[in-house]
Amino acid sequence: GVGLGIVFRYGGTTGGVDIIAKLGFKYLGWSMGKTMFIFDAIVIA
């Protein structure tokens, strides 16, 4: 949490689901939170 929080706070991301979430928002109209939740749920499952 601290690591990702610092990265996000200073304008970066660590790639991955952040990019997918922005693609989902642009082309599917899904909120970024929804996309990230679905992706995380699939990975954890």
PDB file of all heavy atoms in Angstrom:
ATOM      1  N   GLY A   1       0.811  -1.214   0.000  1.00  0.00           N
ATOM      2  CA  GLY A   1       0.000   0.000   0.000  1.00  0.00           C
ATOM      3  C   GLY A   1       0.842   1.261   0.000  1.00  0.00           C
ATOM      4  O   GLY A   1       0.580   2.209  -0.754  1.00  0.00           O
ATOM      5  N   VAL A   2       1.872   1.298   0.836  1.00  0.00           N
ATOM      6  CA  VAL A   2       2.754   2.463   0.885  1.00  0.00           C
ATOM      7  C   VAL A   2       3.476   2.636  -0.446  1.00  0.00           C
ATOM      8  O   VAL A   2       3.559   3.744  -0.993  1.00  0.00           O
ATOM      9  CB  VAL A   2       3.775   2.326   2.034  1.00  0.00           C
ATOM     10  CG1 VAL A   2       4.860   3.405   1.929  1.00  0.00           C
ATOM     11  CG2 VAL A   2       3.073   2.439   3.384  1.00  0.00           C
ATOM     12  N   GLY A   3       3.996   1.538  -0.985  1.00  0.00           N
ATOM     13  CA  GLY A   3       4.715   1.616  -2.257  1.00  0.00           C
ATOM     14  C   GLY A   3       3.841   2.124  -3.387  1.00  0.00           C
ATOM     15  O   GLY A   3       4.199   3.073  -4.093  1.00  0.00           O
ATOM     16  N   LEU A   4       2.679   1.512  -3.561  1.00  0.00           N
ATOM     17  CA  LEU A   4       1.769   1.942  -4.627  1.00  0.00           C
ATOM     18  C   LEU A   4       1.242   3.353  -4.372  1.00  0.00           C
ATOM     19  O   LEU A   4       1.085   4.145  -5.307  1.00  0.00           O
ATOM     20  CB  LEU A   4       0.605   0.967  -4.742  1.00  0.00           C
ATOM     21  CG  LEU A   4       0.883  -0.343  -5.486  1.00  0.00           C
ATOM     22  CD1 LEU A   4      -0.332  -1.255  -5.422  1.00  0.00           C
ATOM     23  CD2 LEU A   4       1.266  -0.088  -6.934  1.00  0.00           C
ATOM     24  N   GLY A   5       0.963   3.664  -3.109  1.00  0.00           N
ATOM     25  CA  GLY A   5       0.459   4.994  -2.775  1.00  0.00           C
ATOM     26  C   GLY A   5       1.436   6.083  -3.179  1.00  0.00           C
ATOM     27  O   GLY A   5       1.054   7.117  -3.726  1.00  0.00           O
ATOM     28  N   ILE A   6       2.719   5.858  -2.921  1.00  0.00           N
ATOM     29  CA  ILE A   6       3.750   6.835  -3.301  1.00  0.00           C
ATOM     30  C   ILE A   6       3.834   6.954  -4.811  1.00  0.00           C
ATOM     31  O   ILE A   6       3.915   8.056  -5.367  1.00  0.00           O
ATOM     32  CB  ILE A   6       5.111   6.436  -2.704  1.00  0.00           C
ATOM     33  CG1 ILE A   6       5.074   6.577  -1.177  1.00  0.00           C
ATOM     34  CG2 ILE A   6       6.229   7.302  -3.285  1.00  0.00           C
ATOM     35  CD1 ILE A   6       6.325   6.068  -0.480  1.00  0.00           C
ATOM     36  N   VAL A   7       3.826   5.818  -5.490  1.00  0.00           N
ATOM     37  CA  VAL A   7       3.899   5.836  -6.966  1.00  0.00           C
ATOM     38  C   VAL A   7       2.723   6.619  -7.551  1.00  0.00           C
ATOM     39  O   VAL A   7       2.894   7.477  -8.421  1.00  0.00           O
ATOM     40  CB  VAL A   7       3.921   4.397  -7.529  1.00  0.00           C
ATOM     41  CG1 VAL A   7       3.773   4.418  -9.051  1.00  0.00           C
ATOM     42  CG2 VAL A   7       5.218   3.700  -7.141  1.00  0.00           C
ATOM     43  N   PHE A   8       1.507   6.335  -7.072  1.00  0.00           N
ATOM     44  CA  PHE A   8       0.316   7.018  -7.570  1.00  0.00           C
ATOM     45  C   PHE A   8       0.345   8.502  -7.235  1.00  0.00           C
ATOM     46  O   PHE A   8      -0.029   9.343  -8.053  1.00  0.00           O
ATOM     47  CB  PHE A   8      -0.954   6.394  -6.982  1.00  0.00           C
ATOM     48  CG  PHE A   8      -1.209   4.980  -7.434  1.00  0.00           C
ATOM     49  CD1 PHE A   8      -2.044   4.145  -6.696  1.00  0.00           C
ATOM     50  CD2 PHE A   8      -0.635   4.474  -8.583  1.00  0.00           C
ATOM     51  CE1 PHE A   8      -2.295   2.845  -7.101  1.00  0.00           C
ATOM     52  CE2 PHE A   8      -0.868   3.178  -8.999  1.00  0.00           C
ATOM     53  CZ  PHE A   8      -1.701   2.370  -8.258  1.00  0.00           C
ATOM     54  N   ARG A   9       0.767   8.834  -6.026  1.00  0.00           N
ATOM     55  CA  ARG A   9       0.739  10.227  -5.564  1.00  0.00           C
ATOM     56  C   ARG A   9       1.648  11.121  -6.408  1.00  0.00           C
ATOM     57  O   ARG A   9       1.378  12.315  -6.584  1.00  0.00           O
ATOM     58  CB  ARG A   9       1.135  10.303  -4.093  1.00  0.00           C
ATOM     59  CG  ARG A   9       0.946  11.701  -3.486  1.00  0.00           C
ATOM     60  CD  ARG A   9       1.172  11.678  -1.991  1.00  0.00           C
ATOM     61  NE  ARG A   9       1.032  12.992  -1.407  1.00  0.00           N
ATOM     62  CZ  ARG A   9      -0.104  13.529  -0.984  1.00  0.00           C
ATOM     63  NH1 ARG A   9      -1.214  12.840  -1.082  1.00  0.00           N
ATOM     64  NH2 ARG A   9      -0.142  14.733  -0.467  1.00  0.00           N
ATOM     65  N   TYR A  10       2.720  10.532  -6.953  1.00  0.00           N
ATOM     66  CA  TYR A  10       3.659  11.340  -7.724  1.00  0.00           C
ATOM     67  C   TYR A  10       3.550  11.088  -9.228  1.00  0.00           C
ATOM     68  O   TYR A  10       4.511  11.256  -9.970  1.00  0.00           O
ATOM     69  CB  TYR A  10       5.084  11.128  -7.207  1.00  0.00           C
ATOM     70  CG  TYR A  10       5.248  11.771  -5.844  1.00  0.00           C
ATOM     71  CD1 TYR A  10       5.044  11.044  -4.678  1.00  0.00           C
ATOM     72  CD2 TYR A  10       5.526  13.126  -5.728  1.00  0.00           C
ATOM     73  CE1 TYR A  10       5.136  11.644  -3.428  1.00  0.00           C
ATOM     74  CE2 TYR A  10       5.625  13.735  -4.496  1.00  0.00           C
ATOM     75  CZ  TYR A  10       5.427  12.991  -3.347  1.00  0.00           C
ATOM     76  OH  TYR A  10       5.520  13.594  -2.115  1.00  0.00           O
ATOM     77  N   GLY A  11       2.345  10.708  -9.654  1.00  0.00           N
ATOM     78  CA  GLY A  11       2.034  10.714 -11.082  1.00  0.00           C
ATOM     79  C   GLY A  11       2.315   9.458 -11.850  1.00  0.00           C
ATOM     80  O   GLY A  11       2.131   9.431 -13.074  1.00  0.00           O
ATOM     81  N   GLY A  12       2.765   8.407 -11.186  1.00  0.00           N
ATOM     82  CA  GLY A  12       3.095   7.194 -11.912  1.00  0.00           C
ATOM     83  C   GLY A  12       2.095   6.080 -11.694  1.00  0.00           C
ATOM     84  O   GLY A  12       1.102   6.232 -10.976  1.00  0.00           O
ATOM     85  N   THR A  13       2.330   4.975 -12.347  1.00  0.00           N
ATOM     86  CA  THR A  13       1.605   3.737 -12.087  1.00  0.00           C
ATOM     87  C   THR A  13       2.631   2.619 -12.220  1.00  0.00           C
ATOM     88  O   THR A  13       3.774   2.856 -12.597  1.00  0.00           O
ATOM     89  CB  THR A  13       0.453   3.479 -13.096  1.00  0.00           C
ATOM     90  OG1 THR A  13       1.015   3.071 -14.351  1.00  0.00           O
ATOM     91  CG2 THR A  13      -0.392   4.717 -13.290  1.00  0.00           C
ATOM     92  N   THR A  14       2.225   1.413 -11.911  1.00  0.00           N
ATOM     93  CA  THR A  14       3.116   0.274 -12.135  1.00  0.00           C
ATOM     94  C   THR A  14       2.610  -0.567 -13.306  1.00  0.00           C
ATOM     95  O   THR A  14       2.892  -1.757 -13.406  1.00  0.00           O
ATOM     96  CB  THR A  14       3.215  -0.599 -10.866  1.00  0.00           C
ATOM     97  OG1 THR A  14       1.899  -0.985 -10.457  1.00  0.00           O
ATOM     98  CG2 THR A  14       3.887   0.158  -9.735  1.00  0.00           C
ATOM     99  N   GLY A  15       1.863   0.092 -14.206  1.00  0.00           N
ATOM    100  CA  GLY A  15       1.362  -0.577 -15.404  1.00  0.00           C
ATOM    101  C   GLY A  15       0.205  -1.499 -15.096  1.00  0.00           C
ATOM    102  O   GLY A  15      -0.586  -1.268 -14.184  1.00  0.00           O
ATOM    103  N   GLY A  16       0.100  -2.553 -15.882  1.00  0.00           N
ATOM    104  CA  GLY A  16      -0.874  -3.597 -15.608  1.00  0.00           C
ATOM    105  C   GLY A  16      -2.316  -3.162 -15.622  1.00  0.00           C
ATOM    106  O   GLY A  16      -2.801  -2.552 -16.594  1.00  0.00           O
ATOM    107  N   VAL A  17      -3.012  -3.436 -14.534  1.00  0.00           N
ATOM    108  CA  VAL A  17      -4.447  -3.229 -14.463  1.00  0.00           C
ATOM    109  C   VAL A  17      -4.818  -1.750 -14.556  1.00  0.00           C
ATOM    110  O   VAL A  17      -5.930  -1.411 -14.956  1.00  0.00           O
ATOM    111  CB  VAL A  17      -5.012  -3.860 -13.166  1.00  0.00           C
ATOM    112  CG1 VAL A  17      -4.568  -3.080 -11.952  1.00  0.00           C
ATOM    113  CG2 VAL A  17      -6.518  -3.957 -13.219  1.00  0.00           C
ATOM    114  N   ASP A  18      -3.889  -0.844 -14.207  1.00  0.00           N
ATOM    115  CA  ASP A  18      -4.172   0.586 -14.328  1.00  0.00           C
ATOM    116  C   ASP A  18      -4.450   0.955 -15.787  1.00  0.00           C
ATOM    117  O   ASP A  18      -5.367   1.723 -16.091  1.00  0.00           O
ATOM    118  CB  ASP A  18      -2.993   1.418 -13.810  1.00  0.00           C
ATOM    119  CG  ASP A  18      -2.590   1.008 -12.404  1.00  0.00           C
ATOM    120  OD1 ASP A  18      -3.496   0.930 -11.557  1.00  0.00           O
ATOM    121  OD2 ASP A  18      -1.407   0.764 -12.161  1.00  0.00           O
ATOM    122  N   ILE A  19      -3.653   0.397 -16.685  1.00  0.00           N
ATOM    123  CA  ILE A  19      -3.842   0.666 -18.114  1.00  0.00           C
ATOM    124  C   ILE A  19      -5.119   0.001 -18.612  1.00  0.00           C
ATOM    125  O   ILE A  19      -5.898   0.591 -19.365  1.00  0.00           O
ATOM    126  CB  ILE A  19      -2.625   0.164 -18.916  1.00  0.00           C
ATOM    127  CG1 ILE A  19      -1.356   0.919 -18.466  1.00  0.00           C
ATOM    128  CG2 ILE A  19      -2.851   0.355 -20.415  1.00  0.00           C
ATOM    129  CD1 ILE A  19      -0.088   0.429 -19.123  1.00  0.00           C
ATOM    130  N   ILE A  20      -5.353  -1.232 -18.188  1.00  0.00           N
ATOM    131  CA  ILE A  20      -6.564  -1.945 -18.591  1.00  0.00           C
ATOM    132  C   ILE A  20      -7.807  -1.191 -18.119  1.00  0.00           C
ATOM    133  O   ILE A  20      -8.808  -1.082 -18.839  1.00  0.00           O
ATOM    134  CB  ILE A  20      -6.557  -3.384 -18.025  1.00  0.00           C
ATOM    135  CG1 ILE A  20      -5.463  -4.196 -18.705  1.00  0.00           C
ATOM    136  CG2 ILE A  20      -7.912  -4.051 -18.219  1.00  0.00           C
ATOM    137  CD1 ILE A  20      -5.312  -5.595 -18.158  1.00  0.00           C
ATOM    138  N   ALA A  21      -7.759  -0.643 -16.904  1.00  0.00           N
ATOM    139  CA  ALA A  21      -8.898   0.098 -16.372  1.00  0.00           C
ATOM    140  C   ALA A  21      -9.191   1.337 -17.216  1.00  0.00           C
ATOM    141  O   ALA A  21     -10.355   1.672 -17.457  1.00  0.00           O
ATOM    142  CB  ALA A  21      -8.617   0.495 -14.921  1.00  0.00           C
ATOM    143  N   LYS A  22      -8.145   2.023 -17.668  1.00  0.00           N
ATOM    144  CA  LYS A  22      -8.353   3.208 -18.500  1.00  0.00           C
ATOM    145  C   LYS A  22      -8.890   2.824 -19.879  1.00  0.00           C
ATOM    146  O   LYS A  22      -9.703   3.545 -20.457  1.00  0.00           O
ATOM    147  CB  LYS A  22      -7.047   3.988 -18.618  1.00  0.00           C
ATOM    148  CG  LYS A  22      -6.643   4.635 -17.299  1.00  0.00           C
ATOM    149  CD  LYS A  22      -5.446   5.553 -17.435  1.00  0.00           C
ATOM    150  CE  LYS A  22      -5.147   6.220 -16.096  1.00  0.00           C
ATOM    151  NZ  LYS A  22      -4.029   7.168 -16.167  1.00  0.00           N
ATOM    152  N   LEU A  23      -8.469   1.672 -20.392  1.00  0.00           N
ATOM    153  CA  LEU A  23      -9.008   1.185 -21.658  1.00  0.00           C
ATOM    154  C   LEU A  23     -10.486   0.822 -21.506  1.00  0.00           C
ATOM    155  O   LEU A  23     -11.314   1.123 -22.381  1.00  0.00           O
ATOM    156  CB  LEU A  23      -8.216  -0.041 -22.130  1.00  0.00           C
ATOM    157  CG  LEU A  23      -6.795   0.218 -22.641  1.00  0.00           C
ATOM    158  CD1 LEU A  23      -6.054  -1.097 -22.844  1.00  0.00           C
ATOM    159  CD2 LEU A  23      -6.832   1.003 -23.952  1.00  0.00           C
ATOM    160  N   GLY A  24     -10.819   0.176 -20.371  1.00  0.00           N
ATOM    161  CA  GLY A  24     -12.213  -0.187 -20.122  1.00  0.00           C
ATOM    162  C   GLY A  24     -13.103   1.032 -19.999  1.00  0.00           C
ATOM    163  O   GLY A  24     -14.249   1.039 -20.459  1.00  0.00           O
ATOM    164  N   PHE A  25     -12.564   2.088 -19.386  1.00  0.00           N
ATOM    165  CA  PHE A  25     -13.339   3.327 -19.242  1.00  0.00           C
ATOM    166  C   PHE A  25     -13.569   3.986 -20.600  1.00  0.00           C
ATOM    167  O   PHE A  25     -14.670   4.458 -20.903  1.00  0.00           O
ATOM    168  CB  PHE A  25     -12.602   4.285 -18.309  1.00  0.00           C
ATOM    169  CG  PHE A  25     -13.260   5.637 -18.189  1.00  0.00           C
ATOM    170  CD1 PHE A  25     -14.402   5.800 -17.424  1.00  0.00           C
ATOM    171  CD2 PHE A  25     -12.754   6.738 -18.854  1.00  0.00           C
ATOM    172  CE1 PHE A  25     -15.025   7.038 -17.305  1.00  0.00           C
ATOM    173  CE2 PHE A  25     -13.367   7.978 -18.747  1.00  0.00           C
ATOM    174  CZ  PHE A  25     -14.497   8.131 -17.972  1.00  0.00           C
ATOM    175  N   LYS A  26     -12.535   3.979 -21.445  1.00  0.00           N
ATOM    176  CA  LYS A  26     -12.631   4.673 -22.730  1.00  0.00           C
ATOM    177  C   LYS A  26     -13.535   3.934 -23.715  1.00  0.00           C
ATOM    178  O   LYS A  26     -14.348   4.550 -24.401  1.00  0.00           O
ATOM    179  CB  LYS A  26     -11.243   4.850 -23.333  1.00  0.00           C
ATOM    180  CG  LYS A  26     -11.253   5.587 -24.668  1.00  0.00           C
ATOM    181  CD  LYS A  26      -9.848   5.858 -25.187  1.00  0.00           C
ATOM    182  CE  LYS A  26      -9.904   6.632 -26.507  1.00  0.00           C
ATOM    183  NZ  LYS A  26      -8.540   6.926 -27.020  1.00  0.00           N
ATOM    184  N   TYR A  27     -13.411   2.612 -23.790  1.00  0.00           N
ATOM    185  CA  TYR A  27     -14.102   1.864 -24.833  1.00  0.00           C
ATOM    186  C   TYR A  27     -15.377   1.154 -24.365  1.00  0.00           C
ATOM    187  O   TYR A  27     -16.238   0.829 -25.176  1.00  0.00           O
ATOM    188  CB  TYR A  27     -13.148   0.833 -25.451  1.00  0.00           C
ATOM    189  CG  TYR A  27     -11.992   1.471 -26.186  1.00  0.00           C
ATOM    190  CD1 TYR A  27     -10.709   1.433 -25.655  1.00  0.00           C
ATOM    191  CD2 TYR A  27     -12.188   2.132 -27.391  1.00  0.00           C
ATOM    192  CE1 TYR A  27      -9.639   2.021 -26.319  1.00  0.00           C
ATOM    193  CE2 TYR A  27     -11.129   2.731 -28.060  1.00  0.00           C
ATOM    194  CZ  TYR A  27      -9.861   2.675 -27.519  1.00  0.00           C
ATOM    195  OH  TYR A  27      -8.819   3.275 -28.180  1.00  0.00           O
ATOM    196  N   LEU A  28     -15.487   0.881 -23.055  1.00  0.00           N
ATOM    197  CA  LEU A  28     -16.664   0.175 -22.553  1.00  0.00           C
ATOM    198  C   LEU A  28     -17.524   1.034 -21.640  1.00  0.00           C
ATOM    199  O   LEU A  28     -18.638   0.647 -21.286  1.00  0.00           O
ATOM    200  CB  LEU A  28     -16.238  -1.102 -21.801  1.00  0.00           C
ATOM    201  CG  LEU A  28     -15.453  -2.138 -22.625  1.00  0.00           C
ATOM    202  CD1 LEU A  28     -15.014  -3.287 -21.738  1.00  0.00           C
ATOM    203  CD2 LEU A  28     -16.290  -2.639 -23.796  1.00  0.00           C
ATOM    204  N   GLY A  29     -16.977   2.178 -21.228  1.00  0.00           N
ATOM    205  CA  GLY A  29     -17.717   3.049 -20.332  1.00  0.00           C
ATOM    206  C   GLY A  29     -17.740   2.566 -18.895  1.00  0.00           C
ATOM    207  O   GLY A  29     -18.501   3.065 -18.078  1.00  0.00           O
ATOM    208  N   TRP A  30     -16.888   1.577 -18.562  1.00  0.00           N
ATOM    209  CA  TRP A  30     -16.828   1.076 -17.201  1.00  0.00           C
ATOM    210  C   TRP A  30     -16.016   2.036 -16.339  1.00  0.00           C
ATOM    211  O   TRP A  30     -15.040   2.618 -16.793  1.00  0.00           O
ATOM    212  CB  TRP A  30     -16.165  -0.294 -17.156  1.00  0.00           C
ATOM    213  CG  TRP A  30     -16.960  -1.384 -17.799  1.00  0.00           C
ATOM    214  CD1 TRP A  30     -18.174  -1.271 -18.404  1.00  0.00           C
ATOM    215  CD2 TRP A  30     -16.583  -2.760 -17.909  1.00  0.00           C
ATOM    216  NE1 TRP A  30     -18.590  -2.485 -18.887  1.00  0.00           N
ATOM    217  CE2 TRP A  30     -17.632  -3.424 -18.602  1.00  0.00           C
ATOM    218  CE3 TRP A  30     -15.496  -3.499 -17.503  1.00  0.00           C
ATOM    219  CZ2 TRP A  30     -17.604  -4.775 -18.873  1.00  0.00           C
ATOM    220  CZ3 TRP A  30     -15.451  -4.854 -17.770  1.00  0.00           C
ATOM    221  CH2 TRP A  30     -16.499  -5.486 -18.451  1.00  0.00           C
ATOM    222  N   SER A  31     -16.415   2.178 -15.083  1.00  0.00           N
ATOM    223  CA  SER A  31     -15.599   2.975 -14.172  1.00  0.00           C
ATOM    224  C   SER A  31     -14.286   2.239 -13.928  1.00  0.00           C
ATOM    225  O   SER A  31     -14.218   1.002 -13.998  1.00  0.00           O
ATOM    226  CB  SER A  31     -16.324   3.179 -12.844  1.00  0.00           C
ATOM    227  OG  SER A  31     -16.405   1.978 -12.124  1.00  0.00           O
ATOM    228  N   MET A  32     -13.234   3.008 -13.629  1.00  0.00           N
ATOM    229  CA  MET A  32     -11.934   2.387 -13.386  1.00  0.00           C
ATOM    230  C   MET A  32     -11.994   1.487 -12.158  1.00  0.00           C
ATOM    231  O   MET A  32     -11.371   0.426 -12.126  1.00  0.00           O
ATOM    232  CB  MET A  32     -10.858   3.468 -13.229  1.00  0.00           C
ATOM    233  CG  MET A  32     -10.571   4.218 -14.514  1.00  0.00           C
ATOM    234  SD  MET A  32      -9.197   5.386 -14.366  1.00  0.00           S
ATOM    235  CE  MET A  32      -7.841   4.277 -14.017  1.00  0.00           C
ATOM    236  N   GLY A  33     -12.746   1.920 -11.141  1.00  0.00           N
ATOM    237  CA  GLY A  33     -12.864   1.102  -9.936  1.00  0.00           C
ATOM    238  C   GLY A  33     -13.509  -0.243 -10.220  1.00  0.00           C
ATOM    239  O   GLY A  33     -13.078  -1.276  -9.708  1.00  0.00           O
ATOM    240  N   LYS A  34     -14.540  -0.234 -11.072  1.00  0.00           N
ATOM    241  CA  LYS A  34     -15.229  -1.478 -11.418  1.00  0.00           C
ATOM    242  C   LYS A  34     -14.295  -2.418 -12.162  1.00  0.00           C
ATOM    243  O   LYS A  34     -14.235  -3.621 -11.865  1.00  0.00           O
ATOM    244  CB  LYS A  34     -16.455  -1.161 -12.283  1.00  0.00           C
ATOM    245  CG  LYS A  34     -17.202  -2.396 -12.768  1.00  0.00           C
ATOM    246  CD  LYS A  34     -18.392  -2.003 -13.638  1.00  0.00           C
ATOM    247  CE  LYS A  34     -19.113  -3.237 -14.172  1.00  0.00           C
ATOM    248  NZ  LYS A  34     -20.273  -2.869 -15.028  1.00  0.00           N
ATOM    249  N   THR A  35     -13.561  -1.893 -13.140  1.00  0.00           N
ATOM    250  CA  THR A  35     -12.645  -2.719 -13.927  1.00  0.00           C
ATOM    251  C   THR A  35     -11.564  -3.318 -13.039  1.00  0.00           C
ATOM    252  O   THR A  35     -11.242  -4.512 -13.137  1.00  0.00           O
ATOM    253  CB  THR A  35     -11.998  -1.890 -15.042  1.00  0.00           C
ATOM    254  OG1 THR A  35     -13.023  -1.314 -15.854  1.00  0.00           O
ATOM    255  CG2 THR A  35     -11.099  -2.761 -15.916  1.00  0.00           C
ATOM    256  N   MET A  36     -10.987  -2.492 -12.168  1.00  0.00           N
ATOM    257  CA  MET A  36      -9.917  -2.968 -11.297  1.00  0.00           C
ATOM    258  C   MET A  36     -10.436  -4.016 -10.317  1.00  0.00           C
ATOM    259  O   MET A  36      -9.753  -5.004 -10.032  1.00  0.00           O
ATOM    260  CB  MET A  36      -9.287  -1.788 -10.552  1.00  0.00           C
ATOM    261  CG  MET A  36      -8.575  -0.806 -11.481  1.00  0.00           C
ATOM    262  SD  MET A  36      -7.907   0.651 -10.648  1.00  0.00           S
ATOM    263  CE  MET A  36      -6.466  -0.068  -9.862  1.00  0.00           C
ATOM    264  N   PHE A  37     -11.653  -3.814  -9.813  1.00  0.00           N
ATOM    265  CA  PHE A  37     -12.233  -4.787  -8.883  1.00  0.00           C
ATOM    266  C   PHE A  37     -12.445  -6.131  -9.574  1.00  0.00           C
ATOM    267  O   PHE A  37     -12.108  -7.188  -9.020  1.00  0.00           O
ATOM    268  CB  PHE A  37     -13.558  -4.266  -8.329  1.00  0.00           C
ATOM    269  CG  PHE A  37     -14.281  -5.250  -7.464  1.00  0.00           C
ATOM    270  CD1 PHE A  37     -13.897  -5.437  -6.142  1.00  0.00           C
ATOM    271  CD2 PHE A  37     -15.342  -6.001  -7.966  1.00  0.00           C
ATOM    272  CE1 PHE A  37     -14.556  -6.362  -5.333  1.00  0.00           C
ATOM    273  CE2 PHE A  37     -15.995  -6.928  -7.170  1.00  0.00           C
ATOM    274  CZ  PHE A  37     -15.602  -7.111  -5.848  1.00  0.00           C
ATOM    275  N   ILE A  38     -13.021  -6.111 -10.781  1.00  0.00           N
ATOM    276  CA  ILE A  38     -13.285  -7.352 -11.517  1.00  0.00           C
ATOM    277  C   ILE A  38     -11.979  -8.081 -11.812  1.00  0.00           C
ATOM    278  O   ILE A  38     -11.858  -9.293 -11.613  1.00  0.00           O
ATOM    279  CB  ILE A  38     -14.048  -7.056 -12.829  1.00  0.00           C
ATOM    280  CG1 ILE A  38     -15.461  -6.561 -12.509  1.00  0.00           C
ATOM    281  CG2 ILE A  38     -14.102  -8.296 -13.714  1.00  0.00           C
ATOM    282  CD1 ILE A  38     -16.243  -6.102 -13.730  1.00  0.00           C
ATOM    283  N   PHE A  39     -10.979  -7.320 -12.279  1.00  0.00           N
ATOM    284  CA  PHE A  39      -9.695  -7.936 -12.625  1.00  0.00           C
ATOM    285  C   PHE A  39      -9.035  -8.529 -11.388  1.00  0.00           C
ATOM    286  O   PHE A  39      -8.539  -9.663 -11.415  1.00  0.00           O
ATOM    287  CB  PHE A  39      -8.780  -6.890 -13.264  1.00  0.00           C
ATOM    288  CG  PHE A  39      -7.577  -7.475 -13.951  1.00  0.00           C
ATOM    289  CD1 PHE A  39      -7.625  -7.821 -15.291  1.00  0.00           C
ATOM    290  CD2 PHE A  39      -6.391  -7.678 -13.256  1.00  0.00           C
ATOM    291  CE1 PHE A  39      -6.521  -8.369 -15.923  1.00  0.00           C
ATOM    292  CE2 PHE A  39      -5.292  -8.225 -13.867  1.00  0.00           C
ATOM    293  CZ  PHE A  39      -5.344  -8.569 -15.218  1.00  0.00           C
ATOM    294  N   ASP A  40      -9.028  -7.767 -10.292  1.00  0.00           N
ATOM    295  CA  ASP A  40      -8.422  -8.266  -9.056  1.00  0.00           C
ATOM    296  C   ASP A  40      -9.141  -9.514  -8.554  1.00  0.00           C
ATOM    297  O   ASP A  40      -8.506 -10.462  -8.075  1.00  0.00           O
ATOM    298  CB  ASP A  40      -8.458  -7.186  -7.971  1.00  0.00           C
ATOM    299  CG  ASP A  40      -7.434  -6.089  -8.213  1.00  0.00           C
ATOM    300  OD1 ASP A  40      -6.577  -6.267  -9.104  1.00  0.00           O
ATOM    301  OD2 ASP A  40      -7.490  -5.064  -7.520  1.00  0.00           O
ATOM    302  N   ALA A  41     -10.477  -9.511  -8.646  1.00  0.00           N
ATOM    303  CA  ALA A  41     -11.249 -10.670  -8.183  1.00  0.00           C
ATOM    304  C   ALA A  41     -10.897 -11.915  -8.990  1.00  0.00           C
ATOM    305  O   ALA A  41     -10.746 -13.006  -8.430  1.00  0.00           O
ATOM    306  CB  ALA A  41     -12.745 -10.371  -8.296  1.00  0.00           C
ATOM    307  N   ILE A  42     -10.753 -11.743 -10.307  1.00  0.00           N
ATOM    308  CA  ILE A  42     -10.397 -12.883 -11.170  1.00  0.00           C
ATOM    309  C   ILE A  42      -9.015 -13.420 -10.813  1.00  0.00           C
ATOM    310  O   ILE A  42      -8.798 -14.634 -10.713  1.00  0.00           O
ATOM    311  CB  ILE A  42     -10.453 -12.475 -12.651  1.00  0.00           C
ATOM    312  CG1 ILE A  42     -11.897 -12.184 -13.065  1.00  0.00           C
ATOM    313  CG2 ILE A  42      -9.858 -13.562 -13.539  1.00  0.00           C
ATOM    314  CD1 ILE A  42     -12.040 -11.608 -14.466  1.00  0.00           C
ATOM    315  N   VAL A  43      -8.060 -12.507 -10.604  1.00  0.00           N
ATOM    316  CA  VAL A  43      -6.686 -12.917 -10.300  1.00  0.00           C
ATOM    317  C   VAL A  43      -6.618 -13.617  -8.951  1.00  0.00           C
ATOM    318  O   VAL A  43      -5.998 -14.678  -8.810  1.00  0.00           O
ATOM    319  CB  VAL A  43      -5.739 -11.698 -10.315  1.00  0.00           C
ATOM    320  CG1 VAL A  43      -4.353 -12.081  -9.808  1.00  0.00           C
ATOM    321  CG2 VAL A  43      -5.631 -11.134 -11.724  1.00  0.00           C
ATOM    322  N   ILE A  44      -7.278 -13.050  -7.935  1.00  0.00           N
ATOM    323  CA  ILE A  44      -7.240 -13.655  -6.606  1.00  0.00           C
ATOM    324  C   ILE A  44      -7.947 -15.011  -6.615  1.00  0.00           C
ATOM    325  O   ILE A  44      -7.492 -15.979  -5.987  1.00  0.00           O
ATOM    326  CB  ILE A  44      -7.868 -12.718  -5.571  1.00  0.00           C
ATOM    327  CG1 ILE A  44      -6.996 -11.460  -5.398  1.00  0.00           C
ATOM    328  CG2 ILE A  44      -8.028 -13.420  -4.228  1.00  0.00           C
ATOM    329  CD1 ILE A  44      -7.589 -10.417  -4.470  1.00  0.00           C
ATOM    330  N   ALA A  45      -9.050 -15.114  -7.363  1.00  0.00           N
ATOM    331  CA  ALA A  45      -9.745 -16.401  -7.478  1.00  0.00           C
ATOM    332  C   ALA A  45      -8.845 -17.429  -8.156  1.00  0.00           C
ATOM    333  O   ALA A  45      -8.802 -18.601  -7.759  1.00  0.00           O
ATOM    334  CB  ALA A  45     -11.040 -16.228  -8.263  1.00  0.00           C
TER     335      ALA A  45
END
